[in-house]
């Protein structure tokens, strides 16, 4: 019971933070693309992190969740939908 109360307290504190500061999932990408996406987001000024899900599920490739601040969610989804830019010189 103590763990549940502790976790509920953490979640309540997150809800009371400034509007837009909450961390949300912008999308999921293949694991091999996750760091490319984080760098693409950083190039447009969006702070992002990739959370790796290492295991393959039902034969699908491993994926990563891209996490951003709520205020950047719309812009981050646009960048993720466009995909990371190809390397220079190609």
PDB file of N, CA and C in Angstrom:
ATOM      1  N   UNK A   1       0.821  -1.191   0.000  1.00  0.00           N
ATOM      2  CA  UNK A   1       0.000   0.000   0.000  1.00  0.00           C
ATOM      3  C   UNK A   1       0.868   1.259   0.000  1.00  0.00           C
ATOM      4  N   UNK A   2       2.015   1.242   0.653  1.00  0.00           N
ATOM      5  CA  UNK A   2       2.876   2.412   0.707  1.00  0.00           C
ATOM      6  C   UNK A   2       3.381   2.818  -0.666  1.00  0.00           C
ATOM      7  N   UNK A   3       3.693   1.843  -1.507  1.00  0.00           N
ATOM      8  CA  UNK A   3       4.196   2.133  -2.847  1.00  0.00           C
ATOM      9  C   UNK A   3       3.115   2.819  -3.681  1.00  0.00           C
ATOM     10  N   UNK A   4       1.896   2.342  -3.565  1.00  0.00           N
ATOM     11  CA  UNK A   4       0.784   2.957  -4.299  1.00  0.00           C
ATOM     12  C   UNK A   4       0.593   4.417  -3.909  1.00  0.00           C
ATOM     13  N   UNK A   5       0.649   4.682  -2.627  1.00  0.00           N
ATOM     14  CA  UNK A   5       0.481   6.048  -2.132  1.00  0.00           C
ATOM     15  C   UNK A   5       1.626   6.938  -2.624  1.00  0.00           C
ATOM     16  N   UNK A   6       2.852   6.400  -2.590  1.00  0.00           N
ATOM     17  CA  UNK A   6       4.023   7.139  -3.047  1.00  0.00           C
ATOM     18  C   UNK A   6       3.893   7.488  -4.535  1.00  0.00           C
ATOM     19  N   UNK A   7       3.488   6.495  -5.353  1.00  0.00           N
ATOM     20  CA  UNK A   7       3.333   6.716  -6.783  1.00  0.00           C
ATOM     21  C   UNK A   7       2.221   7.726  -7.067  1.00  0.00           C
ATOM     22  N   UNK A   8       1.119   7.635  -6.344  1.00  0.00           N
ATOM     23  CA  UNK A   8       0.019   8.592  -6.520  1.00  0.00           C
ATOM     24  C   UNK A   8       0.488  10.007  -6.174  1.00  0.00           C
ATOM     25  N   UNK A   9       1.331  10.134  -5.162  1.00  0.00           N
ATOM     26  CA  UNK A   9       1.875  11.442  -4.792  1.00  0.00           C
ATOM     27  C   UNK A   9       2.748  12.020  -5.897  1.00  0.00           C
ATOM     28  N   UNK A  10       3.548  11.179  -6.524  1.00  0.00           N
ATOM     29  CA  UNK A  10       4.389  11.644  -7.628  1.00  0.00           C
ATOM     30  C   UNK A  10       3.538  12.115  -8.795  1.00  0.00           C
ATOM     31  N   UNK A  11       2.507  11.367  -9.124  1.00  0.00           N
ATOM     32  CA  UNK A  11       1.641  11.731 -10.233  1.00  0.00           C
ATOM     33  C   UNK A  11       0.897  13.027  -9.950  1.00  0.00           C
ATOM     34  N   UNK A  12       0.461  13.224  -8.715  1.00  0.00           N
ATOM     35  CA  UNK A  12      -0.240  14.452  -8.354  1.00  0.00           C
ATOM     36  C   UNK A  12       0.674  15.667  -8.468  1.00  0.00           C
ATOM     37  N   UNK A  13       1.952  15.506  -8.066  1.00  0.00           N
ATOM     38  CA  UNK A  13       2.892  16.610  -8.175  1.00  0.00           C
ATOM     39  C   UNK A  13       3.136  16.967  -9.627  1.00  0.00           C
ATOM     40  N   UNK A  14       3.189  15.971 -10.513  1.00  0.00           N
ATOM     41  CA  UNK A  14       3.391  16.230 -11.934  1.00  0.00           C
ATOM     42  C   UNK A  14       2.235  17.005 -12.526  1.00  0.00           C
ATOM     43  N   UNK A  15       1.032  16.761 -12.034  1.00  0.00           N
ATOM     44  CA  UNK A  15      -0.146  17.442 -12.561  1.00  0.00           C
ATOM     45  C   UNK A  15      -0.165  18.912 -12.158  1.00  0.00           C
ATOM     46  N   UNK A  16       0.498  19.255 -11.056  1.00  0.00           N
ATOM     47  CA  UNK A  16       0.457  20.632 -10.586  1.00  0.00           C
ATOM     48  C   UNK A  16       1.594  21.473 -11.142  1.00  0.00           C
ATOM     49  N   UNK A  17       2.421  20.930 -12.033  1.00  0.00           N
ATOM     50  CA  UNK A  17       3.509  21.714 -12.609  1.00  0.00           C
ATOM     51  C   UNK A  17       2.941  22.741 -13.592  1.00  0.00           C
ATOM     52  N   UNK A  18       3.798  23.613 -14.070  1.00  0.00           N
ATOM     53  CA  UNK A  18       3.368  24.670 -14.986  1.00  0.00           C
ATOM     54  C   UNK A  18       2.761  24.064 -16.250  1.00  0.00           C
ATOM     55  N   UNK A  19       1.781  24.741 -16.850  1.00  0.00           N
ATOM     56  CA  UNK A  19       1.168  24.228 -18.074  1.00  0.00           C
ATOM     57  C   UNK A  19       2.223  24.050 -19.169  1.00  0.00           C
ATOM     58  N   UNK A  20       2.183  22.922 -19.814  1.00  0.00           N
ATOM     59  CA  UNK A  20       3.116  22.645 -20.886  1.00  0.00           C
ATOM     60  C   UNK A  20       4.402  21.970 -20.461  1.00  0.00           C
ATOM     61  N   UNK A  21       4.666  21.894 -19.160  1.00  0.00           N
ATOM     62  CA  UNK A  21       5.899  21.271 -18.683  1.00  0.00           C
ATOM     63  C   UNK A  21       5.777  19.762 -18.515  1.00  0.00           C
ATOM     64  N   UNK A  22       4.578  19.254 -18.600  1.00  0.00           N
ATOM     65  CA  UNK A  22       4.363  17.818 -18.447  1.00  0.00           C
ATOM     66  C   UNK A  22       5.023  17.090 -19.613  1.00  0.00           C
ATOM     67  N   UNK A  23       5.636  15.936 -19.347  1.00  0.00           N
ATOM     68  CA  UNK A  23       6.287  15.145 -20.388  1.00  0.00           C
ATOM     69  C   UNK A  23       5.285  14.148 -20.948  1.00  0.00           C
ATOM     70  N   UNK A  24       5.159  14.132 -22.279  1.00  0.00           N
ATOM     71  CA  UNK A  24       4.194  13.270 -22.947  1.00  0.00           C
ATOM     72  C   UNK A  24       4.885  12.531 -24.093  1.00  0.00           C
ATOM     73  N   UNK A  25       4.229  11.481 -24.576  1.00  0.00           N
ATOM     74  CA  UNK A  25       4.753  10.711 -25.701  1.00  0.00           C
ATOM     75  C   UNK A  25       4.334  11.369 -27.014  1.00  0.00           C
ATOM     76  N   UNK A  26       5.324  11.662 -27.854  1.00  0.00           N
ATOM     77  CA  UNK A  26       5.043  12.258 -29.161  1.00  0.00           C
ATOM     78  C   UNK A  26       4.796  11.183 -30.203  1.00  0.00           C
ATOM     79  N   UNK A  27       5.334  10.003 -29.984  1.00  0.00           N
ATOM     80  CA  UNK A  27       5.144   8.917 -30.934  1.00  0.00           C
ATOM     81  C   UNK A  27       6.107   7.779 -30.667  1.00  0.00           C
ATOM     82  N   UNK A  28       5.968   6.739 -31.463  1.00  0.00           N
ATOM     83  CA  UNK A  28       6.870   5.590 -31.373  1.00  0.00           C
ATOM     84  C   UNK A  28       7.522   5.394 -32.725  1.00  0.00           C
ATOM     85  N   UNK A  29       8.800   5.070 -32.693  1.00  0.00           N
ATOM     86  CA  UNK A  29       9.565   4.832 -33.919  1.00  0.00           C
ATOM     87  C   UNK A  29      10.360   3.548 -33.739  1.00  0.00           C
ATOM     88  N   UNK A  30      10.884   3.039 -34.859  1.00  0.00           N
ATOM     89  CA  UNK A  30      11.749   1.865 -34.768  1.00  0.00           C
ATOM     90  C   UNK A  30      12.963   2.235 -33.922  1.00  0.00           C
ATOM     91  N   UNK A  31      13.467   1.262 -33.198  1.00  0.00           N
ATOM     92  CA  UNK A  31      14.575   1.517 -32.277  1.00  0.00           C
ATOM     93  C   UNK A  31      15.771   2.120 -33.002  1.00  0.00           C
ATOM     94  N   UNK A  32      16.082   1.641 -34.198  1.00  0.00           N
ATOM     95  CA  UNK A  32      17.248   2.147 -34.914  1.00  0.00           C
ATOM     96  C   UNK A  32      17.083   3.605 -35.331  1.00  0.00           C
ATOM     97  N   UNK A  33      15.845   4.093 -35.442  1.00  0.00           N
ATOM     98  CA  UNK A  33      15.587   5.484 -35.825  1.00  0.00           C
ATOM     99  C   UNK A  33      15.490   6.437 -34.646  1.00  0.00           C
ATOM    100  N   UNK A  34      15.445   5.915 -33.427  1.00  0.00           N
ATOM    101  CA  UNK A  34      15.120   6.754 -32.279  1.00  0.00           C
ATOM    102  C   UNK A  34      16.103   7.900 -32.069  1.00  0.00           C
ATOM    103  N   UNK A  35      17.401   7.633 -32.126  1.00  0.00           N
ATOM    104  CA  UNK A  35      18.359   8.717 -31.897  1.00  0.00           C
ATOM    105  C   UNK A  35      18.396   9.699 -33.064  1.00  0.00           C
ATOM    106  N   UNK A  36      18.121   9.217 -34.276  1.00  0.00           N
ATOM    107  CA  UNK A  36      18.019  10.133 -35.416  1.00  0.00           C
ATOM    108  C   UNK A  36      16.875  11.117 -35.198  1.00  0.00           C
ATOM    109  N   UNK A  37      15.761  10.617 -34.676  1.00  0.00           N
ATOM    110  CA  UNK A  37      14.605  11.469 -34.408  1.00  0.00           C
ATOM    111  C   UNK A  37      14.895  12.463 -33.292  1.00  0.00           C
ATOM    112  N   UNK A  38      15.582  12.024 -32.242  1.00  0.00           N
ATOM    113  CA  UNK A  38      15.929  12.926 -31.144  1.00  0.00           C
ATOM    114  C   UNK A  38      16.811  14.058 -31.662  1.00  0.00           C
ATOM    115  N   UNK A  39      17.781  13.736 -32.532  1.00  0.00           N
ATOM    116  CA  UNK A  39      18.657  14.772 -33.108  1.00  0.00           C
ATOM    117  C   UNK A  39      17.876  15.700 -34.031  1.00  0.00           C
ATOM    118  N   UNK A  40      16.947  15.152 -34.822  1.00  0.00           N
ATOM    119  CA  UNK A  40      16.124  15.983 -35.705  1.00  0.00           C
ATOM    120  C   UNK A  40      15.278  16.955 -34.888  1.00  0.00           C
ATOM    121  N   UNK A  41      14.749  16.499 -33.764  1.00  0.00           N
ATOM    122  CA  UNK A  41      13.957  17.369 -32.895  1.00  0.00           C
ATOM    123  C   UNK A  41      14.840  18.444 -32.255  1.00  0.00           C
ATOM    124  N   UNK A  42      16.053  18.077 -31.860  1.00  0.00           N
ATOM    125  CA  UNK A  42      16.971  19.044 -31.254  1.00  0.00           C
ATOM    126  C   UNK A  42      17.343  20.143 -32.248  1.00  0.00           C
ATOM    127  N   UNK A  43      17.441  19.803 -33.523  1.00  0.00           N
ATOM    128  CA  UNK A  43      17.787  20.795 -34.550  1.00  0.00           C
ATOM    129  C   UNK A  43      16.728  21.892 -34.684  1.00  0.00           C
ATOM    130  N   UNK A  44      15.486  21.580 -34.345  1.00  0.00           N
ATOM    131  CA  UNK A  44      14.430  22.594 -34.408  1.00  0.00           C
ATOM    132  C   UNK A  44      14.099  23.148 -33.018  1.00  0.00           C
ATOM    133  N   UNK A  45      14.945  22.856 -32.038  1.00  0.00           N
ATOM    134  CA  UNK A  45      14.797  23.428 -30.702  1.00  0.00           C
ATOM    135  C   UNK A  45      13.867  22.701 -29.763  1.00  0.00           C
ATOM    136  N   UNK A  46      13.580  21.428 -30.040  1.00  0.00           N
ATOM    137  CA  UNK A  46      12.696  20.649 -29.171  1.00  0.00           C
ATOM    138  C   UNK A  46      13.534  19.665 -28.372  1.00  0.00           C
ATOM    139  N   UNK A  47      13.439  19.759 -27.051  1.00  0.00           N
ATOM    140  CA  UNK A  47      14.144  18.837 -26.166  1.00  0.00           C
ATOM    141  C   UNK A  47      13.370  17.524 -26.125  1.00  0.00           C
ATOM    142  N   UNK A  48      14.014  16.421 -26.491  1.00  0.00           N
ATOM    143  CA  UNK A  48      13.337  15.125 -26.557  1.00  0.00           C
ATOM    144  C   UNK A  48      14.245  14.029 -26.026  1.00  0.00           C
ATOM    145  N   UNK A  49      13.627  12.956 -25.597  1.00  0.00           N
ATOM    146  CA  UNK A  49      14.343  11.763 -25.139  1.00  0.00           C
ATOM    147  C   UNK A  49      13.678  10.545 -25.749  1.00  0.00           C
ATOM    148  N   UNK A  50      14.472   9.526 -26.011  1.00  0.00           N
ATOM    149  CA  UNK A  50      13.944   8.255 -26.517  1.00  0.00           C
ATOM    150  C   UNK A  50      14.007   7.235 -25.399  1.00  0.00           C
ATOM    151  N   UNK A  51      12.921   6.519 -25.196  1.00  0.00           N
ATOM    152  CA  UNK A  51      12.866   5.443 -24.213  1.00  0.00           C
ATOM    153  C   UNK A  51      12.784   4.146 -24.991  1.00  0.00           C
ATOM    154  N   UNK A  52      13.819   3.338 -24.867  1.00  0.00           N
ATOM    155  CA  UNK A  52      13.919   2.112 -25.655  1.00  0.00           C
ATOM    156  C   UNK A  52      13.070   0.993 -25.076  1.00  0.00           C
ATOM    157  N   UNK A  53      12.378   0.291 -25.967  1.00  0.00           N
ATOM    158  CA  UNK A  53      11.693  -0.957 -25.642  1.00  0.00           C
ATOM    159  C   UNK A  53      12.468  -2.034 -26.389  1.00  0.00           C
ATOM    160  N   UNK A  54      13.367  -2.712 -25.701  1.00  0.00           N
ATOM    161  CA  UNK A  54      14.320  -3.576 -26.382  1.00  0.00           C
ATOM    162  C   UNK A  54      13.718  -4.834 -26.991  1.00  0.00           C
ATOM    163  N   UNK A  55      12.684  -5.385 -26.407  1.00  0.00           N
ATOM    164  CA  UNK A  55      12.179  -6.662 -26.881  1.00  0.00           C
ATOM    165  C   UNK A  55      11.346  -6.556 -28.139  1.00  0.00           C
ATOM    166  N   UNK A  56      11.412  -7.557 -28.948  1.00  0.00           N
ATOM    167  CA  UNK A  56      10.529  -7.635 -30.105  1.00  0.00           C
ATOM    168  C   UNK A  56       9.214  -8.252 -29.646  1.00  0.00           C
ATOM    169  N   UNK A  57       8.122  -7.726 -30.149  1.00  0.00           N
ATOM    170  CA  UNK A  57       6.809  -8.217 -29.766  1.00  0.00           C
ATOM    171  C   UNK A  57       6.107  -8.745 -31.003  1.00  0.00           C
ATOM    172  N   UNK A  58       5.719  -9.978 -30.965  1.00  0.00           N
ATOM    173  CA  UNK A  58       4.975 -10.612 -32.064  1.00  0.00           C
ATOM    174  C   UNK A  58       5.679 -10.460 -33.414  1.00  0.00           C
ATOM    175  N   UNK A  59       6.990 -10.549 -33.405  1.00  0.00           N
ATOM    176  CA  UNK A  59       7.751 -10.479 -34.642  1.00  0.00           C
ATOM    177  C   UNK A  59       7.954  -9.078 -35.188  1.00  0.00           C
ATOM    178  N   UNK A  60       7.450  -8.059 -34.499  1.00  0.00           N
ATOM    179  CA  UNK A  60       7.649  -6.680 -34.939  1.00  0.00           C
ATOM    180  C   UNK A  60       8.996  -6.183 -34.429  1.00  0.00           C
ATOM    181  N   UNK A  61       9.641  -5.277 -35.135  1.00  0.00           N
ATOM    182  CA  UNK A  61      10.938  -4.768 -34.678  1.00  0.00           C
ATOM    183  C   UNK A  61      10.801  -3.985 -33.374  1.00  0.00           C
ATOM    184  N   UNK A  62      11.882  -3.949 -32.625  1.00  0.00           N
ATOM    185  CA  UNK A  62      11.900  -3.205 -31.364  1.00  0.00           C
ATOM    186  C   UNK A  62      11.636  -1.730 -31.644  1.00  0.00           C
ATOM    187  N   UNK A  63      10.938  -1.086 -30.734  1.00  0.00           N
ATOM    188  CA  UNK A  63      10.541   0.312 -30.923  1.00  0.00           C
ATOM    189  C   UNK A  63      11.005   1.158 -29.747  1.00  0.00           C
ATOM    190  N   UNK A  64      10.953   2.454 -29.924  1.00  0.00           N
ATOM    191  CA  UNK A  64      11.285   3.404 -28.867  1.00  0.00           C
ATOM    192  C   UNK A  64      10.192   4.458 -28.808  1.00  0.00           C
ATOM    193  N   UNK A  65       9.929   4.939 -27.611  1.00  0.00           N
ATOM    194  CA  UNK A  65       8.961   6.012 -27.407  1.00  0.00           C
ATOM    195  C   UNK A  65       9.719   7.333 -27.379  1.00  0.00           C
ATOM    196  N   UNK A  66       9.257   8.322 -28.128  1.00  0.00           N
ATOM    197  CA  UNK A  66       9.870   9.645 -28.137  1.00  0.00           C
ATOM    198  C   UNK A  66       9.060  10.530 -27.201  1.00  0.00           C
ATOM    199  N   UNK A  67       9.734  11.053 -26.172  1.00  0.00           N
ATOM    200  CA  UNK A  67       9.076  11.846 -25.144  1.00  0.00           C
ATOM    201  C   UNK A  67       9.493  13.314 -25.272  1.00  0.00           C
ATOM    202  N   UNK A  68       8.502  14.212 -25.197  1.00  0.00           N
ATOM    203  CA  UNK A  68       8.740  15.658 -25.296  1.00  0.00           C
ATOM    204  C   UNK A  68       7.876  16.375 -24.259  1.00  0.00           C
ATOM    205  N   UNK A  69       8.139  17.677 -24.088  1.00  0.00           N
ATOM    206  CA  UNK A  69       7.258  18.486 -23.238  1.00  0.00           C
ATOM    207  C   UNK A  69       5.945  18.709 -23.982  1.00  0.00           C
ATOM    208  N   UNK A  70       4.882  18.800 -23.216  1.00  0.00           N
ATOM    209  CA  UNK A  70       3.544  18.946 -23.793  1.00  0.00           C
ATOM    210  C   UNK A  70       3.437  20.170 -24.696  1.00  0.00           C
ATOM    211  N   UNK A  71       4.126  21.245 -24.348  1.00  0.00           N
ATOM    212  CA  UNK A  71       4.057  22.470 -25.158  1.00  0.00           C
ATOM    213  C   UNK A  71       4.661  22.276 -26.552  1.00  0.00           C
ATOM    214  N   UNK A  72       5.547  21.276 -26.723  1.00  0.00           N
ATOM    215  CA  UNK A  72       6.205  21.011 -28.005  1.00  0.00           C
ATOM    216  C   UNK A  72       5.570  19.861 -28.780  1.00  0.00           C
ATOM    217  N   UNK A  73       4.475  19.320 -28.285  1.00  0.00           N
ATOM    218  CA  UNK A  73       3.913  18.085 -28.838  1.00  0.00           C
ATOM    219  C   UNK A  73       3.522  18.211 -30.315  1.00  0.00           C
ATOM    220  N   UNK A  74       2.815  19.244 -30.687  1.00  0.00           N
ATOM    221  CA  UNK A  74       2.348  19.392 -32.068  1.00  0.00           C
ATOM    222  C   UNK A  74       3.533  19.517 -33.024  1.00  0.00           C
ATOM    223  N   UNK A  75       4.492  20.360 -32.678  1.00  0.00           N
ATOM    224  CA  UNK A  75       5.669  20.547 -33.537  1.00  0.00           C
ATOM    225  C   UNK A  75       6.490  19.265 -33.618  1.00  0.00           C
ATOM    226  N   UNK A  76       6.606  18.556 -32.504  1.00  0.00           N
ATOM    227  CA  UNK A  76       7.382  17.314 -32.492  1.00  0.00           C
ATOM    228  C   UNK A  76       6.729  16.264 -33.387  1.00  0.00           C
ATOM    229  N   UNK A  77       5.419  16.172 -33.362  1.00  0.00           N
ATOM    230  CA  UNK A  77       4.743  15.193 -34.221  1.00  0.00           C
ATOM    231  C   UNK A  77       4.930  15.530 -35.693  1.00  0.00           C
ATOM    232  N   UNK A  78       4.963  16.823 -36.024  1.00  0.00           N
ATOM    233  CA  UNK A  78       5.230  17.212 -37.413  1.00  0.00           C
ATOM    234  C   UNK A  78       6.618  16.753 -37.848  1.00  0.00           C
ATOM    235  N   UNK A  79       7.608  16.935 -36.978  1.00  0.00           N
ATOM    236  CA  UNK A  79       8.975  16.529 -37.296  1.00  0.00           C
ATOM    237  C   UNK A  79       9.051  15.014 -37.423  1.00  0.00           C
ATOM    238  N   UNK A  80       8.413  14.280 -36.505  1.00  0.00           N
ATOM    239  CA  UNK A  80       8.446  12.820 -36.558  1.00  0.00           C
ATOM    240  C   UNK A  80       7.732  12.291 -37.807  1.00  0.00           C
ATOM    241  N   UNK A  81       6.655  12.929 -38.194  1.00  0.00           N
ATOM    242  CA  UNK A  81       5.932  12.500 -39.401  1.00  0.00           C
ATOM    243  C   UNK A  81       6.775  12.714 -40.653  1.00  0.00           C
ATOM    244  N   UNK A  82       7.567  13.801 -40.669  1.00  0.00           N
ATOM    245  CA  UNK A  82       8.419  14.086 -41.821  1.00  0.00           C
ATOM    246  C   UNK A  82       9.615  13.129 -41.864  1.00  0.00           C
ATOM    247  N   UNK A  83      10.019  12.615 -40.705  1.00  0.00           N
ATOM    248  CA  UNK A  83      11.174  11.720 -40.636  1.00  0.00           C
ATOM    249  C   UNK A  83      12.464  12.505 -40.544  1.00  0.00           C
ATOM    250  N   UNK A  84      13.522  11.865 -40.047  1.00  0.00           N
ATOM    251  CA  UNK A  84      14.805  12.559 -39.925  1.00  0.00           C
ATOM    252  C   UNK A  84      15.373  12.870 -41.313  1.00  0.00           C
ATOM    253  N   UNK A  85      16.118  13.949 -41.385  1.00  0.00           N
ATOM    254  CA  UNK A  85      16.736  14.351 -42.651  1.00  0.00           C
ATOM    255  C   UNK A  85      17.817  13.354 -43.042  1.00  0.00           C
ATOM    256  N   UNK A  86      17.999  13.110 -44.344  1.00  0.00           N
ATOM    257  CA  UNK A  86      19.052  12.217 -44.767  1.00  0.00           C
ATOM    258  C   UNK A  86      20.420  12.813 -44.476  1.00  0.00           C
ATOM    259  N   UNK A  87      21.451  11.978 -44.327  1.00  0.00           N
ATOM    260  CA  UNK A  87      22.799  12.499 -44.058  1.00  0.00           C
ATOM    261  C   UNK A  87      23.261  13.432 -45.181  1.00  0.00           C
ATOM    262  N   UNK A  88      24.098  14.392 -44.821  1.00  0.00           N
ATOM    263  CA  UNK A  88      24.604  15.346 -45.807  1.00  0.00           C
ATOM    264  C   UNK A  88      25.408  14.627 -46.874  1.00  0.00           C
ATOM    265  N   UNK A  89      25.272  15.080 -48.113  1.00  0.00           N
ATOM    266  CA  UNK A  89      26.038  14.494 -49.198  1.00  0.00           C
ATOM    267  C   UNK A  89      25.346  13.339 -49.896  1.00  0.00           C
ATOM    268  N   UNK A  90      24.075  13.065 -49.545  1.00  0.00           N
ATOM    269  CA  UNK A  90      23.358  11.972 -50.220  1.00  0.00           C
ATOM    270  C   UNK A  90      22.265  12.515 -51.100  1.00  0.00           C
TER     271      UNK A  90
END
